[in-house]
């Protein structure tokens, strides 16, 4: 580490002294600086935002308490298969076998977020253990991003946006976790896909992407020993039964059966529903009597997106707590919560800005007190 970098780390440590714990050694702090091009103010902002996000979502409890829905275990394609030559964890992403539309019809947005976070936290725990065992700092992911099977059906914009949303969670809260992304079997429509994704991928991540295409074996073996490379990619690793795709370690994905879809009568019977006329809105007020209570929501719409926002009302004034913004609740159930620091009236607004279509919404909203 150069002296200028060491000085920047020291300054960041001083600025963050009110919240830092022992796990943030110089190696970890440098990641946050590197992710923000060594801009101390931006690195501090990023780190504080991440710590607030992790506290709000009880990230430390996920490994112990959270179990992803069965459909994600069975159909969220990809998995860990071993180590790269540099000691980083090796992961295979089977993007061409990912039925994002089916998954988004089957789980809530928060389940996808929690599952992604769970994977990241599990990796961190593994790196700590292996670092202690070997006496060498082990860190980072090497990812084989297999695009075999990708076709025009993958150009579904909500699915791309959701996938990139999960990538952004990793970038915002686990900086420098990705060491390299090796794209193989890039299809003819790859330039179109990349053009759609490029504005949403950070410059740092772009620099870690290596696009190989179909003749990939030599490049993969530059980073991965045969014993950790699945036989289907030119290595020697197989399942115990000889399966060259290593399906016991790598979820093979595939089309999600409609029996998992949540857009069914059993799921929506417990929800309230309303039709919002074109150009109109639905407003619901909730009284919070105890500071620290949580205002929780869950909603879906039929066929169309909706604008959603939360406001705090006091006297004749109305303050936006969560500004109105478009939500693709017709493609995945939107859910979330807000910790109410102030008592009083909170207004939830669903706005139909369309001048052509009425919109049907199903929703559950409740106030949860802290005791």
Protein backbone atom coordinates (compact mmCIF):
# COMPACT_ATOMS: atom_id res chain seq x y z
CA UNK A 1 0.00 0.00 0.00
CA UNK A 2 1.45 3.39 -0.94
CA UNK A 3 1.80 6.08 1.73
CA UNK A 4 -0.81 8.40 0.13
CA UNK A 5 -3.36 5.57 0.30
CA UNK A 6 -2.41 4.82 3.89
CA UNK A 7 -2.98 8.47 4.76
CA UNK A 8 -6.40 8.45 3.11
CA UNK A 9 -7.36 5.31 5.03
CA UNK A 10 -6.27 6.99 8.27
CA UNK A 11 -8.41 10.04 7.49
CA UNK A 12 -11.43 7.87 6.66
CA UNK A 13 -10.96 5.91 9.89
CA UNK A 14 -10.91 9.15 11.85
CA UNK A 15 -14.07 10.42 10.15
CA UNK A 16 -15.86 7.12 10.85
CA UNK A 17 -14.56 6.63 14.40
CA UNK A 18 -18.07 7.04 15.87
CA UNK A 19 -19.36 3.88 14.20
CA UNK A 20 -16.43 1.68 13.16
CA UNK A 21 -15.90 -1.72 14.77
CA UNK A 22 -12.77 -3.93 14.74
CA UNK A 23 -13.76 -5.76 11.52
CA UNK A 24 -12.90 -2.62 9.56
CA UNK A 25 -9.15 -3.00 9.28
CA UNK A 26 -7.11 -1.07 6.70
CA UNK A 27 -7.75 -3.74 4.05
CA UNK A 28 -11.52 -3.35 4.41
CA UNK A 29 -11.49 0.44 4.55
CA UNK A 30 -9.45 0.62 1.37
CA UNK A 31 -12.27 -1.14 -0.47
CA UNK A 32 -14.69 1.71 0.25
CA UNK A 33 -12.13 4.26 -0.85
CA UNK A 34 -11.34 2.33 -4.02
CA UNK A 35 -15.03 2.03 -4.86
CA UNK A 36 -15.26 5.84 -4.77
CA UNK A 37 -11.96 6.55 -6.55
CA UNK A 38 -10.35 7.55 -3.21
CA UNK A 39 -12.75 10.46 -2.67
CA UNK A 40 -12.92 10.46 1.13
CA UNK A 41 -16.27 12.28 1.42
CA UNK A 42 -17.93 9.95 -1.09
CA UNK A 43 -16.40 6.86 0.56
CA UNK A 44 -17.66 8.01 3.97
CA UNK A 45 -21.14 8.62 2.57
CA UNK A 46 -21.17 5.20 0.91
CA UNK A 47 -20.03 3.41 4.08
CA UNK A 48 -22.50 5.19 6.35
CA UNK A 49 -25.37 4.49 3.93
CA UNK A 50 -24.39 0.84 3.82
CA UNK A 51 -24.20 0.55 7.61
CA UNK A 52 -27.65 2.13 7.90
CA UNK A 53 -29.03 -0.22 5.22
CA UNK A 54 -27.61 -3.29 6.96
CA UNK A 55 -28.91 -2.22 10.35
CA UNK A 56 -32.38 -1.49 8.95
CA UNK A 57 -32.53 -4.90 7.25
CA UNK A 58 -30.99 -6.84 10.17
CA UNK A 59 -28.32 -8.24 7.89
CA UNK A 60 -26.32 -9.83 10.70
CA UNK A 61 -29.31 -12.01 11.57
CA UNK A 62 -29.94 -13.29 8.03
CA UNK A 63 -27.54 -16.24 8.11
CA UNK A 64 -29.15 -17.50 11.31
CA UNK A 65 -32.79 -16.60 10.70
CA UNK A 66 -33.57 -16.31 7.01
CA UNK A 67 -34.45 -19.16 4.68
CA UNK A 68 -35.05 -18.21 1.03
CA UNK A 69 -38.32 -19.36 -0.57
CA UNK A 70 -38.20 -22.82 -2.13
CA UNK A 71 -38.57 -21.41 -5.64
CA UNK A 72 -35.29 -19.49 -5.27
CA UNK A 73 -33.47 -22.59 -4.02
CA UNK A 74 -34.71 -24.53 -7.04
CA UNK A 75 -34.65 -21.94 -9.84
CA UNK A 76 -32.24 -19.08 -9.00
CA UNK A 77 -29.62 -20.36 -11.43
CA UNK A 78 -25.96 -20.50 -10.38
CA UNK A 79 -23.78 -21.56 -7.47
CA UNK A 80 -20.35 -21.78 -5.85
CA UNK A 81 -18.05 -24.51 -7.10
CA UNK A 82 -14.62 -23.96 -5.57
CA UNK A 83 -11.65 -21.64 -5.85
CA UNK A 84 -9.84 -19.68 -8.52
CA UNK A 85 -6.03 -19.83 -8.67
CA UNK A 86 -5.72 -16.61 -6.65
CA UNK A 87 -7.78 -18.07 -3.80
CA UNK A 88 -10.94 -16.11 -4.61
CA UNK A 89 -14.25 -17.96 -4.47
CA UNK A 90 -15.40 -19.34 -7.82
CA UNK A 91 -19.04 -18.89 -8.80
CA UNK A 92 -20.93 -19.87 -11.93
CA UNK A 93 -23.88 -17.74 -13.06
CA UNK A 94 -26.14 -19.50 -15.57
CA UNK A 95 -27.80 -16.36 -16.91
CA UNK A 96 -29.21 -18.17 -19.94
CA UNK A 97 -31.09 -20.57 -17.64
CA UNK A 98 -32.55 -17.84 -15.42
CA UNK A 99 -36.32 -17.43 -15.71
CA UNK A 100 -36.46 -13.97 -14.19
CA UNK A 101 -40.06 -13.41 -15.23
CA UNK A 102 -41.13 -16.63 -13.46
CA UNK A 103 -39.10 -15.79 -10.35
CA UNK A 104 -40.52 -12.27 -10.19
CA UNK A 105 -44.03 -13.73 -10.41
CA UNK A 106 -43.23 -16.09 -7.53
CA UNK A 107 -41.49 -14.04 -4.82
CA UNK A 108 -41.46 -10.58 -3.30
CA UNK A 109 -38.78 -8.05 -4.13
CA UNK A 110 -37.48 -8.26 -0.55
CA UNK A 111 -36.90 -12.02 -0.89
CA UNK A 112 -34.61 -11.45 -3.87
CA UNK A 113 -32.73 -8.75 -1.96
CA UNK A 114 -32.37 -10.86 1.19
CA UNK A 115 -31.19 -13.87 -0.80
CA UNK A 116 -28.53 -11.80 -2.56
CA UNK A 117 -27.38 -10.34 0.77
CA UNK A 118 -27.38 -13.82 2.31
CA UNK A 119 -25.00 -15.03 -0.42
CA UNK A 120 -22.68 -12.08 0.20
CA UNK A 121 -22.62 -12.53 3.98
CA UNK A 122 -21.97 -16.26 3.60
CA UNK A 123 -19.01 -15.48 1.33
CA UNK A 124 -17.57 -13.06 3.89
CA UNK A 125 -17.85 -15.65 6.67
CA UNK A 126 -16.12 -18.23 4.45
CA UNK A 127 -13.28 -15.83 3.61
CA UNK A 128 -12.71 -15.07 7.30
CA UNK A 129 -12.47 -18.77 8.17
CA UNK A 130 -10.16 -19.60 5.27
CA UNK A 131 -7.98 -16.57 6.00
CA UNK A 132 -7.57 -17.69 9.62
CA UNK A 133 -6.79 -21.26 8.54
CA UNK A 134 -4.21 -20.32 5.90
CA UNK A 135 -2.73 -17.20 7.47
CA UNK A 136 -3.25 -15.45 4.12
CA UNK A 137 -5.90 -12.85 3.37
CA UNK A 138 -8.54 -14.49 1.13
CA UNK A 139 -11.14 -12.31 -0.51
CA UNK A 140 -13.21 -11.77 -3.63
CA UNK A 141 -15.27 -13.58 -6.27
CA UNK A 142 -14.30 -14.89 -9.67
CA UNK A 143 -17.49 -15.40 -11.69
CA UNK A 144 -18.05 -17.45 -14.83
CA UNK A 145 -21.05 -15.73 -16.43
CA UNK A 146 -22.48 -18.31 -18.83
CA UNK A 147 -24.90 -16.83 -21.38
CA UNK A 148 -25.70 -20.06 -23.22
CA UNK A 149 -29.43 -20.12 -23.94
CA UNK A 150 -29.88 -16.36 -23.89
CA UNK A 151 -32.36 -15.24 -26.53
CA UNK A 152 -34.64 -12.34 -27.25
CA UNK A 153 -36.92 -13.39 -24.40
CA UNK A 154 -34.16 -12.11 -22.10
CA UNK A 155 -34.67 -8.56 -23.39
CA UNK A 156 -37.61 -8.19 -20.96
CA UNK A 157 -36.78 -4.82 -19.38
CA UNK A 158 -38.26 -5.42 -15.88
CA UNK A 159 -36.18 -8.60 -15.57
CA UNK A 160 -32.99 -6.82 -16.59
CA UNK A 161 -33.74 -3.99 -14.17
CA UNK A 162 -34.34 -6.42 -11.31
CA UNK A 163 -31.13 -8.34 -12.03
CA UNK A 164 -29.14 -5.09 -12.10
CA UNK A 165 -30.88 -3.98 -8.90
CA UNK A 166 -29.43 -7.03 -7.18
CA UNK A 167 -26.00 -6.26 -8.65
CA UNK A 168 -26.28 -2.71 -7.30
CA UNK A 169 -26.98 -4.04 -3.80
CA UNK A 170 -23.69 -5.90 -4.01
CA UNK A 171 -21.83 -2.84 -5.31
CA UNK A 172 -23.31 -0.46 -2.71
CA UNK A 173 -22.82 -2.71 0.31
CA UNK A 174 -19.98 -5.09 -0.59
CA UNK A 175 -17.45 -3.01 -2.55
CA UNK A 176 -14.64 -4.77 -4.39
CA UNK A 177 -16.23 -8.17 -3.74
CA UNK A 178 -16.10 -8.97 -7.46
CA UNK A 179 -12.57 -9.63 -8.74
CA UNK A 180 -13.43 -10.61 -12.30
CA UNK A 181 -16.46 -11.51 -14.41
CA UNK A 182 -15.70 -13.93 -17.25
CA UNK A 183 -18.51 -13.78 -19.82
CA UNK A 184 -18.71 -16.93 -21.94
CA UNK A 185 -21.06 -18.06 -24.72
CA UNK A 186 -22.03 -14.46 -25.46
CA UNK A 187 -24.96 -14.61 -27.92
CA UNK A 188 -25.59 -12.53 -31.02
CA UNK A 189 -27.87 -10.20 -29.06
CA UNK A 190 -25.17 -9.55 -26.43
CA UNK A 191 -24.39 -6.04 -27.77
CA UNK A 192 -28.06 -5.13 -27.33
CA UNK A 193 -28.18 -6.54 -23.79
CA UNK A 194 -24.93 -4.82 -22.86
CA UNK A 195 -26.18 -1.51 -24.24
CA UNK A 196 -29.28 -1.81 -22.00
CA UNK A 197 -27.20 -2.70 -18.94
CA UNK A 198 -24.16 -0.46 -19.45
CA UNK A 199 -25.62 2.78 -18.00
CA UNK A 200 -26.52 0.91 -14.80
CA UNK A 201 -23.12 -0.76 -14.27
CA UNK A 202 -20.42 1.15 -12.40
CA UNK A 203 -17.16 1.99 -14.13
CA UNK A 204 -15.28 -0.15 -11.61
CA UNK A 205 -17.39 -3.21 -12.46
CA UNK A 206 -17.06 -2.60 -16.21
CA UNK A 207 -13.29 -2.79 -15.83
CA UNK A 208 -13.61 -6.28 -14.30
CA UNK A 209 -15.63 -7.75 -17.18
CA UNK A 210 -13.81 -9.97 -19.68
CA UNK A 211 -15.93 -11.05 -22.65
CA UNK A 212 -14.61 -14.31 -24.08
CA UNK A 213 -17.41 -15.74 -26.21
CA UNK A 214 -17.36 -19.37 -27.33
CA UNK A 215 -13.63 -20.20 -27.35
CA UNK A 216 -13.24 -19.75 -23.62
CA UNK A 217 -11.45 -22.81 -22.24
CA UNK A 218 -7.91 -21.44 -22.50
CA UNK A 219 -8.89 -18.18 -20.80
CA UNK A 220 -10.79 -19.93 -18.01
CA UNK A 221 -7.81 -22.18 -17.30
CA UNK A 222 -5.65 -19.09 -16.93
CA UNK A 223 -7.63 -18.28 -13.80
CA UNK A 224 -8.98 -21.69 -12.68
CA UNK A 225 -7.32 -25.07 -12.11
CA UNK A 226 -8.94 -28.12 -13.75
CA UNK A 227 -10.00 -29.60 -10.41
CA UNK A 228 -12.35 -26.65 -9.78
CA UNK A 229 -13.51 -26.16 -13.36
CA UNK A 230 -16.65 -28.13 -14.36
CA UNK A 231 -16.04 -30.67 -17.09
CA UNK A 232 -18.59 -28.91 -19.30
CA UNK A 233 -16.19 -25.95 -19.38
CA UNK A 234 -13.09 -28.01 -20.07
CA UNK A 235 -12.02 -28.95 -16.52
CA UNK A 236 -12.25 -32.22 -14.59
CA UNK A 237 -14.87 -31.36 -11.93
CA UNK A 238 -18.06 -33.44 -12.03
CA UNK A 239 -20.86 -34.46 -9.70
CA UNK A 240 -20.42 -37.80 -7.87
CA UNK A 241 -22.59 -39.40 -10.56
CA UNK A 242 -20.37 -37.97 -13.31
CA UNK A 243 -22.65 -35.08 -14.33
CA UNK A 244 -20.31 -32.63 -16.11
CA UNK A 245 -22.56 -29.66 -15.23
CA UNK A 246 -22.08 -30.17 -11.46
CA UNK A 247 -25.80 -29.79 -10.76
CA UNK A 248 -25.38 -30.64 -7.06
CA UNK A 249 -23.42 -27.39 -6.62
CA UNK A 250 -24.75 -25.21 -9.41
CA UNK A 251 -28.52 -24.64 -9.52
CA UNK A 252 -29.46 -25.30 -13.14
CA UNK A 253 -32.44 -22.92 -13.15
CA UNK A 254 -35.01 -23.43 -15.88
CA UNK A 255 -38.63 -22.41 -16.35
CA UNK A 256 -40.41 -21.73 -13.06
CA UNK A 257 -43.64 -23.80 -12.82
CA UNK A 258 -46.76 -21.63 -12.54
CA UNK A 259 -47.67 -23.40 -9.31
CA UNK A 260 -45.13 -21.11 -7.64
CA UNK A 261 -46.72 -17.93 -8.98
CA UNK A 262 -48.12 -15.67 -6.27
CA UNK A 263 -50.59 -13.94 -8.59
CA UNK A 264 -53.37 -16.33 -7.65
CA UNK A 265 -56.61 -16.27 -5.68
CA UNK A 266 -55.13 -17.80 -2.51
CA UNK A 267 -52.49 -15.10 -2.32
CA UNK A 268 -54.65 -12.03 -3.00
CA UNK A 269 -57.72 -13.04 -0.97
CA UNK A 270 -56.14 -11.64 2.18
CA UNK A 271 -55.43 -8.29 0.50
CA UNK A 272 -57.63 -5.25 0.07
CA UNK A 273 -58.22 -4.17 -3.49
CA UNK A 274 -59.27 -1.09 -5.42
CA UNK A 275 -59.60 0.21 -8.95
CA UNK A 276 -57.85 3.53 -9.48
CA UNK A 277 -59.40 5.46 -12.38
CA UNK A 278 -57.11 6.91 -15.02
CA UNK A 279 -55.51 10.16 -13.86
CA UNK A 280 -56.69 9.57 -10.27
CA UNK A 281 -55.07 8.34 -7.06
CA UNK A 282 -55.81 6.25 -3.98
CA UNK A 283 -54.80 7.74 -0.60
CA UNK A 284 -54.82 5.81 2.70
CA UNK A 285 -54.07 7.46 6.07
CA UNK A 286 -52.59 5.65 9.08
CA UNK A 287 -52.14 7.02 12.59
CA UNK A 288 -48.88 6.25 14.38
CA UNK A 289 -49.19 6.70 18.15
CA UNK A 290 -45.81 5.31 19.23
CA UNK A 291 -42.46 6.58 17.97
CA UNK A 292 -40.37 3.78 16.46
CA UNK A 293 -43.38 1.98 15.00
CA UNK A 294 -43.08 0.50 11.52
CA UNK A 295 -45.42 1.28 8.66
CA UNK A 296 -45.36 -1.84 6.46
CA UNK A 297 -46.76 -2.27 2.96
CA UNK A 298 -47.16 -4.98 0.35
CA UNK A 299 -48.92 -4.48 -2.96
CA UNK A 300 -49.29 -5.66 -6.53
CA UNK A 301 -51.07 -4.33 -9.58
CA UNK A 302 -52.64 -6.01 -12.59
CA UNK A 303 -51.08 -5.41 -16.00
CA UNK A 304 -49.73 -1.91 -15.25
CA UNK A 305 -47.17 -0.15 -13.05
CA UNK A 306 -48.18 2.44 -10.43
CA UNK A 307 -46.65 5.46 -8.71
CA UNK A 308 -46.18 4.98 -4.96
CA UNK A 309 -45.23 7.38 -2.17
CA UNK A 310 -45.45 7.95 1.59
CA UNK A 311 -46.13 11.33 3.23
CA UNK A 312 -46.15 12.68 6.80
CA UNK A 313 -49.03 15.06 7.52
CA UNK A 314 -48.96 17.72 10.21
CA UNK A 315 -51.54 20.49 10.44
CA UNK A 316 -51.98 21.70 6.87
CA UNK A 317 -48.49 20.64 5.75
CA UNK A 318 -47.52 17.44 3.98
CA UNK A 319 -43.91 16.22 3.89
CA UNK A 320 -42.68 13.52 1.50
CA UNK A 321 -41.06 10.69 3.43
CA UNK A 322 -40.85 8.54 0.32
CA UNK A 323 -41.39 10.58 -2.83
CA UNK A 324 -43.81 9.37 -5.47
CA UNK A 325 -42.02 7.19 -8.01
CA UNK A 326 -42.95 4.51 -10.52
CA UNK A 327 -43.00 0.91 -9.24
CA UNK A 328 -43.21 -2.16 -11.49
CA UNK A 329 -45.65 -3.86 -9.12
CA UNK A 330 -47.27 -5.67 -12.03
CA UNK A 331 -44.11 -7.74 -12.50
CA UNK A 332 -43.10 -8.38 -8.87
CA UNK A 333 -44.86 -7.85 -5.57
CA UNK A 334 -43.56 -4.65 -3.98
CA UNK A 335 -43.04 -4.72 -0.23
CA UNK A 336 -41.21 -2.64 2.32
CA UNK A 337 -41.46 -0.72 5.55
CA UNK A 338 -40.72 2.65 7.09
CA UNK A 339 -39.61 3.26 10.67
CA UNK A 340 -41.74 6.14 11.93
CA UNK A 341 -39.59 8.38 14.15
CA UNK A 342 -42.45 10.86 14.54
CA UNK A 343 -45.97 10.16 15.75
CA UNK A 344 -48.93 11.45 13.78
CA UNK A 345 -50.62 10.81 10.45
CA UNK A 346 -48.87 9.03 7.58
CA UNK A 347 -50.46 8.96 4.15
CA UNK A 348 -49.76 6.26 1.58
CA UNK A 349 -50.52 7.26 -1.99
CA UNK A 350 -50.99 5.13 -5.10
CA UNK A 351 -51.16 7.36 -8.17
CA UNK A 352 -52.39 6.35 -11.60
CA UNK A 353 -50.76 8.87 -13.93
CA UNK A 354 -52.08 7.11 -17.02
CA UNK A 355 -54.77 8.95 -18.98
CA UNK A 356 -55.76 5.79 -20.85
CA UNK A 357 -56.16 2.92 -18.35
CA UNK A 358 -57.75 2.26 -14.98
CA UNK A 359 -55.46 0.28 -12.67
CA UNK A 360 -56.39 -2.52 -10.27
CA UNK A 361 -54.32 -2.75 -7.10
CA UNK A 362 -54.16 -5.34 -4.30
CA UNK A 363 -52.55 -4.17 -1.07
CA UNK A 364 -51.91 -4.82 2.60
CA UNK A 365 -50.80 -1.95 4.84
CA UNK A 366 -50.34 -2.09 8.61
CA UNK A 367 -48.73 -0.24 11.52
CA UNK A 368 -46.51 -2.45 13.69
CA UNK A 369 -45.71 -1.12 17.16
CA UNK A 370 -42.28 -1.82 18.73
CA UNK A 371 -43.89 -3.41 21.81
